[in-house]
């Protein structure tokens, strides 16, 4: 599946549909999943409908369905380059420098200050 070209809404709908199929494959009702996950039935219904839910509630649902292991594929541990490892001397990076990153205004047309 090509996720990159999909809208946010379409991605949530696909994820919701997959959650529903996993639940049905386990022969669970929405109520049983909600109870086991410690969430409300409307939360399960929203998730399966592709609507937004809180991250903690999604984690609980994924745990009950046995899908937490798949998060490693979704967000793998980032690998630092050997140079970064040497420079950091075993420390974990805490902040970004911001240099080299496009600003939020990157799509706006740039003009000289005097041209206004």
N, C-alpha and C. Protein backbone atom coordinates (compact mmCIF):
# COMPACT_ATOMS: atom_id res chain seq x y z
N UNK A 1 0.84 -1.17 0.00
CA UNK A 1 0.00 0.00 0.00
C UNK A 1 0.89 1.24 0.00
N UNK A 2 0.52 2.22 -0.78
CA UNK A 2 1.27 3.48 -0.88
C UNK A 2 0.67 4.51 0.07
N UNK A 3 1.22 4.60 1.28
CA UNK A 3 0.70 5.50 2.31
C UNK A 3 1.01 6.95 2.00
N UNK A 4 2.12 7.18 1.34
CA UNK A 4 2.63 8.54 1.16
C UNK A 4 1.65 9.46 0.45
N UNK A 5 0.94 8.96 -0.53
CA UNK A 5 0.02 9.78 -1.30
C UNK A 5 -1.37 9.89 -0.70
N UNK A 6 -1.60 9.23 0.42
CA UNK A 6 -2.93 9.22 1.02
C UNK A 6 -3.13 10.42 1.94
N UNK A 7 -4.36 10.87 2.04
CA UNK A 7 -4.67 11.95 2.98
C UNK A 7 -4.64 11.40 4.40
N UNK A 8 -4.53 12.28 5.36
CA UNK A 8 -4.54 11.86 6.77
C UNK A 8 -5.81 11.10 7.09
N UNK A 9 -6.93 11.59 6.58
CA UNK A 9 -8.21 10.94 6.84
C UNK A 9 -8.25 9.53 6.25
N UNK A 10 -7.72 9.37 5.05
CA UNK A 10 -7.71 8.05 4.40
C UNK A 10 -6.81 7.08 5.16
N UNK A 11 -5.71 7.57 5.69
CA UNK A 11 -4.81 6.72 6.48
C UNK A 11 -5.52 6.26 7.75
N UNK A 12 -6.19 7.18 8.44
CA UNK A 12 -6.92 6.80 9.65
C UNK A 12 -8.02 5.78 9.34
N UNK A 13 -8.71 5.94 8.21
CA UNK A 13 -9.74 4.98 7.81
C UNK A 13 -9.14 3.60 7.55
N UNK A 14 -7.99 3.56 6.90
CA UNK A 14 -7.32 2.29 6.63
C UNK A 14 -6.89 1.61 7.93
N UNK A 15 -6.30 2.39 8.82
CA UNK A 15 -5.88 1.84 10.12
C UNK A 15 -7.09 1.34 10.89
N UNK A 16 -8.17 2.12 10.90
CA UNK A 16 -9.39 1.71 11.59
C UNK A 16 -9.96 0.43 11.03
N UNK A 17 -9.97 0.32 9.72
CA UNK A 17 -10.46 -0.90 9.10
C UNK A 17 -9.62 -2.12 9.46
N UNK A 18 -8.32 -1.91 9.55
CA UNK A 18 -7.44 -3.01 9.94
C UNK A 18 -7.67 -3.42 11.39
N UNK A 19 -7.86 -2.43 12.26
CA UNK A 19 -8.16 -2.75 13.66
C UNK A 19 -9.43 -3.59 13.75
N UNK A 20 -10.45 -3.18 12.99
CA UNK A 20 -11.71 -3.93 13.00
C UNK A 20 -11.51 -5.36 12.51
N UNK A 21 -10.72 -5.53 11.44
CA UNK A 21 -10.49 -6.88 10.91
C UNK A 21 -9.71 -7.74 11.90
N UNK A 22 -8.73 -7.17 12.58
CA UNK A 22 -8.00 -7.93 13.60
C UNK A 22 -8.93 -8.33 14.75
N UNK A 23 -9.77 -7.40 15.15
CA UNK A 23 -10.73 -7.70 16.23
C UNK A 23 -11.66 -8.83 15.80
N UNK A 24 -12.19 -8.75 14.59
CA UNK A 24 -13.11 -9.79 14.10
C UNK A 24 -12.39 -11.13 13.93
N UNK A 25 -11.14 -11.10 13.49
CA UNK A 25 -10.37 -12.35 13.36
C UNK A 25 -10.18 -13.03 14.71
N UNK A 26 -10.17 -12.24 15.78
CA UNK A 26 -10.07 -12.79 17.13
C UNK A 26 -11.44 -13.11 17.71
N UNK A 27 -12.48 -12.90 16.90
CA UNK A 27 -13.86 -13.18 17.29
C UNK A 27 -14.25 -12.40 18.55
N UNK A 28 -13.85 -11.12 18.58
CA UNK A 28 -14.15 -10.25 19.72
C UNK A 28 -15.22 -9.24 19.31
N UNK A 29 -16.08 -8.93 20.23
CA UNK A 29 -17.02 -7.83 20.02
C UNK A 29 -16.29 -6.53 20.34
N UNK A 30 -16.87 -5.43 19.89
CA UNK A 30 -16.31 -4.12 20.25
C UNK A 30 -16.35 -3.93 21.76
N UNK A 31 -17.40 -4.43 22.39
CA UNK A 31 -17.52 -4.29 23.85
C UNK A 31 -16.42 -5.09 24.56
N UNK A 32 -16.12 -6.29 24.07
CA UNK A 32 -15.08 -7.10 24.70
C UNK A 32 -13.72 -6.45 24.53
N UNK A 33 -13.45 -5.92 23.34
CA UNK A 33 -12.18 -5.23 23.11
C UNK A 33 -12.08 -4.01 24.02
N UNK A 34 -13.15 -3.25 24.11
CA UNK A 34 -13.14 -2.05 24.95
C UNK A 34 -12.87 -2.40 26.40
N UNK A 35 -13.54 -3.44 26.89
CA UNK A 35 -13.36 -3.84 28.29
C UNK A 35 -11.93 -4.29 28.55
N UNK A 36 -11.41 -5.13 27.67
CA UNK A 36 -10.06 -5.65 27.87
C UNK A 36 -9.00 -4.55 27.74
N UNK A 37 -9.26 -3.58 26.87
CA UNK A 37 -8.31 -2.48 26.66
C UNK A 37 -8.47 -1.36 27.68
N UNK A 38 -9.57 -1.38 28.42
CA UNK A 38 -9.80 -0.32 29.39
C UNK A 38 -10.22 0.99 28.75
N UNK A 39 -10.93 0.90 27.63
CA UNK A 39 -11.44 2.08 26.95
C UNK A 39 -12.94 1.92 26.78
N UNK A 40 -13.60 2.95 26.32
CA UNK A 40 -15.05 2.87 26.12
C UNK A 40 -15.38 2.26 24.76
N UNK A 41 -16.59 1.75 24.64
CA UNK A 41 -17.04 1.21 23.35
C UNK A 41 -17.03 2.31 22.28
N UNK A 42 -17.49 3.53 22.58
CA UNK A 42 -17.40 4.58 21.55
C UNK A 42 -15.96 4.86 21.08
N UNK A 43 -14.98 4.67 21.96
CA UNK A 43 -13.59 4.84 21.54
C UNK A 43 -13.22 3.79 20.51
N UNK A 44 -13.59 2.54 20.75
CA UNK A 44 -13.33 1.47 19.78
C UNK A 44 -14.06 1.78 18.47
N UNK A 45 -15.29 2.21 18.56
CA UNK A 45 -16.06 2.54 17.37
C UNK A 45 -15.41 3.68 16.58
N UNK A 46 -14.92 4.71 17.28
CA UNK A 46 -14.23 5.81 16.61
C UNK A 46 -12.96 5.33 15.93
N UNK A 47 -12.19 4.50 16.63
CA UNK A 47 -10.95 3.98 16.05
C UNK A 47 -11.24 3.19 14.79
N UNK A 48 -12.22 2.32 14.85
CA UNK A 48 -12.54 1.47 13.70
C UNK A 48 -13.15 2.26 12.55
N UNK A 49 -13.77 3.39 12.86
CA UNK A 49 -14.36 4.24 11.82
C UNK A 49 -13.32 5.16 11.20
N UNK A 50 -12.08 5.12 11.72
CA UNK A 50 -11.03 5.97 11.17
C UNK A 50 -11.08 7.38 11.69
N UNK A 51 -11.66 7.55 12.86
CA UNK A 51 -11.69 8.86 13.48
C UNK A 51 -10.58 8.95 14.52
N UNK A 52 -10.23 10.12 14.91
CA UNK A 52 -9.12 10.34 15.81
C UNK A 52 -9.45 9.89 17.23
N UNK A 53 -8.46 9.22 17.88
CA UNK A 53 -8.56 8.87 19.29
C UNK A 53 -7.23 9.20 19.94
N UNK A 54 -7.21 9.23 21.25
CA UNK A 54 -5.97 9.53 21.98
C UNK A 54 -4.95 8.42 21.76
N UNK A 55 -3.70 8.81 21.72
CA UNK A 55 -2.61 7.86 21.51
C UNK A 55 -2.57 6.74 22.54
N UNK A 56 -2.79 7.07 23.81
CA UNK A 56 -2.76 6.06 24.87
C UNK A 56 -3.85 5.01 24.64
N UNK A 57 -5.00 5.46 24.20
CA UNK A 57 -6.10 4.52 23.95
C UNK A 57 -5.79 3.63 22.75
N UNK A 58 -5.12 4.19 21.74
CA UNK A 58 -4.71 3.37 20.59
C UNK A 58 -3.71 2.31 21.03
N UNK A 59 -2.76 2.68 21.88
CA UNK A 59 -1.77 1.72 22.39
C UNK A 59 -2.47 0.59 23.14
N UNK A 60 -3.46 0.92 23.95
CA UNK A 60 -4.19 -0.11 24.70
C UNK A 60 -4.91 -1.07 23.77
N UNK A 61 -5.54 -0.53 22.72
CA UNK A 61 -6.25 -1.37 21.75
C UNK A 61 -5.26 -2.27 21.02
N UNK A 62 -4.14 -1.70 20.57
CA UNK A 62 -3.13 -2.48 19.86
C UNK A 62 -2.55 -3.57 20.75
N UNK A 63 -2.37 -3.27 22.03
CA UNK A 63 -1.84 -4.28 22.97
C UNK A 63 -2.79 -5.48 23.06
N UNK A 64 -4.08 -5.22 23.21
CA UNK A 64 -5.06 -6.30 23.33
C UNK A 64 -5.09 -7.14 22.05
N UNK A 65 -4.93 -6.49 20.90
CA UNK A 65 -4.98 -7.21 19.63
C UNK A 65 -3.65 -7.87 19.28
N UNK A 66 -2.64 -7.70 20.14
CA UNK A 66 -1.33 -8.31 19.90
C UNK A 66 -0.54 -7.64 18.78
N UNK A 67 -0.76 -6.34 18.61
CA UNK A 67 -0.13 -5.62 17.50
C UNK A 67 0.98 -4.67 17.92
N UNK A 68 1.31 -4.61 19.20
CA UNK A 68 2.35 -3.67 19.64
C UNK A 68 3.71 -3.96 19.01
N UNK A 69 3.98 -5.22 18.75
CA UNK A 69 5.27 -5.58 18.15
C UNK A 69 5.46 -4.90 16.80
N UNK A 70 4.36 -4.60 16.13
CA UNK A 70 4.44 -3.99 14.81
C UNK A 70 4.86 -2.53 14.87
N UNK A 71 4.86 -1.92 16.04
CA UNK A 71 5.29 -0.53 16.15
C UNK A 71 6.77 -0.37 15.82
N UNK A 72 7.53 -1.43 15.99
CA UNK A 72 8.96 -1.37 15.63
C UNK A 72 9.12 -1.10 14.14
N UNK A 73 8.26 -1.70 13.33
CA UNK A 73 8.32 -1.46 11.88
C UNK A 73 7.81 -0.06 11.55
N UNK A 74 6.82 0.41 12.32
CA UNK A 74 6.25 1.73 12.07
C UNK A 74 7.25 2.83 12.41
N UNK A 75 7.87 2.70 13.58
CA UNK A 75 8.83 3.72 14.03
C UNK A 75 10.10 3.01 14.50
N UNK A 76 10.98 2.64 13.58
CA UNK A 76 12.19 1.93 13.99
C UNK A 76 13.13 2.84 14.78
N UNK A 77 13.97 2.21 15.59
CA UNK A 77 14.98 2.95 16.36
C UNK A 77 15.90 3.66 15.37
N UNK A 78 16.07 5.00 15.49
CA UNK A 78 16.93 5.71 14.54
C UNK A 78 18.39 5.34 14.75
N UNK A 79 19.09 5.21 13.66
CA UNK A 79 20.51 4.87 13.72
C UNK A 79 21.33 6.14 13.52
N UNK A 80 22.27 6.38 14.40
CA UNK A 80 23.17 7.53 14.27
C UNK A 80 24.35 7.11 13.40
N UNK A 81 24.86 8.06 12.66
CA UNK A 81 26.04 7.78 11.85
C UNK A 81 27.23 7.56 12.77
N UNK A 82 28.28 6.88 12.29
CA UNK A 82 29.46 6.70 13.14
C UNK A 82 30.05 8.03 13.62
N UNK A 83 30.01 9.06 12.78
CA UNK A 83 30.53 10.37 13.18
C UNK A 83 29.70 10.95 14.32
N UNK A 84 28.37 10.84 14.21
CA UNK A 84 27.50 11.33 15.28
C UNK A 84 27.75 10.56 16.57
N UNK A 85 27.93 9.26 16.47
CA UNK A 85 28.20 8.44 17.65
C UNK A 85 29.49 8.90 18.32
N UNK A 86 30.52 9.15 17.54
CA UNK A 86 31.80 9.58 18.08
C UNK A 86 31.67 10.96 18.74
N UNK A 87 30.97 11.88 18.07
CA UNK A 87 30.82 13.23 18.60
C UNK A 87 30.01 13.25 19.89
N UNK A 88 29.01 12.39 19.99
CA UNK A 88 28.15 12.38 21.17
C UNK A 88 28.72 11.55 22.30
N UNK A 89 29.73 10.74 22.02
CA UNK A 89 30.43 9.96 23.03
C UNK A 89 29.45 9.19 23.93
N UNK A 90 28.47 8.51 23.29
CA UNK A 90 27.53 7.68 24.03
C UNK A 90 26.33 8.41 24.60
N UNK A 91 26.31 9.73 24.50
CA UNK A 91 25.15 10.48 25.02
C UNK A 91 24.03 10.45 23.99
N UNK A 92 22.80 10.54 24.48
CA UNK A 92 21.63 10.58 23.60
C UNK A 92 21.29 12.04 23.34
N UNK A 93 21.08 12.36 22.09
CA UNK A 93 20.78 13.74 21.70
C UNK A 93 19.47 14.19 22.32
N UNK A 94 19.45 15.40 22.87
CA UNK A 94 18.27 15.95 23.55
C UNK A 94 17.61 17.09 22.78
N UNK A 95 18.37 17.80 21.96
CA UNK A 95 17.85 18.98 21.26
C UNK A 95 18.29 18.98 19.81
N UNK A 96 17.50 19.67 18.99
CA UNK A 96 17.85 19.89 17.58
C UNK A 96 18.41 21.29 17.44
N UNK A 97 19.38 21.46 16.57
CA UNK A 97 19.98 22.77 16.39
C UNK A 97 19.10 23.69 15.55
N UNK A 98 18.26 23.09 14.72
CA UNK A 98 17.40 23.90 13.88
C UNK A 98 18.07 24.35 12.60
N UNK A 99 19.38 24.25 12.49
CA UNK A 99 20.06 24.67 11.27
C UNK A 99 19.80 23.66 10.17
N UNK A 100 19.63 24.17 8.98
CA UNK A 100 19.41 23.30 7.84
C UNK A 100 17.99 22.80 7.70
N UNK A 101 17.12 23.20 8.58
CA UNK A 101 15.73 22.77 8.53
C UNK A 101 14.88 23.88 7.93
N UNK A 102 13.95 23.54 7.03
CA UNK A 102 13.08 24.59 6.49
C UNK A 102 12.16 25.12 7.58
N UNK A 103 11.91 26.40 7.53
CA UNK A 103 11.02 27.00 8.52
C UNK A 103 9.58 26.73 8.14
N UNK A 104 8.68 27.05 9.03
CA UNK A 104 7.25 26.87 8.76
C UNK A 104 6.80 27.76 7.61
N UNK A 105 7.55 28.84 7.36
CA UNK A 105 7.21 29.77 6.29
C UNK A 105 7.92 29.44 4.99
N UNK A 106 8.47 28.25 4.84
CA UNK A 106 9.29 27.90 3.69
C UNK A 106 8.54 28.02 2.38
N UNK A 107 7.24 27.84 2.38
CA UNK A 107 6.46 27.90 1.14
C UNK A 107 6.08 29.32 0.75
N UNK A 108 6.28 30.29 1.65
CA UNK A 108 5.95 31.67 1.33
C UNK A 108 7.03 32.27 0.46
N UNK A 109 6.62 33.19 -0.40
CA UNK A 109 7.57 33.86 -1.28
C UNK A 109 8.48 34.75 -0.47
N UNK A 110 9.77 34.69 -0.74
CA UNK A 110 10.74 35.47 -0.01
C UNK A 110 10.96 36.80 -0.72
N UNK A 111 11.08 37.90 0.04
CA UNK A 111 11.35 39.21 -0.54
C UNK A 111 12.38 39.91 0.32
N UNK A 112 13.04 40.90 -0.27
CA UNK A 112 13.97 41.74 0.47
C UNK A 112 13.14 42.62 1.38
N UNK A 113 13.70 43.03 2.52
CA UNK A 113 12.99 43.88 3.47
C UNK A 113 12.58 45.21 2.90
N UNK A 114 13.36 45.76 1.91
CA UNK A 114 13.08 47.07 1.34
C UNK A 114 11.99 47.02 0.27
N UNK A 115 11.63 45.83 -0.20
CA UNK A 115 10.71 45.71 -1.32
C UNK A 115 9.25 45.75 -0.89
N UNK A 116 8.98 45.94 0.35
CA UNK A 116 7.58 45.88 0.80
C UNK A 116 6.80 47.05 0.40
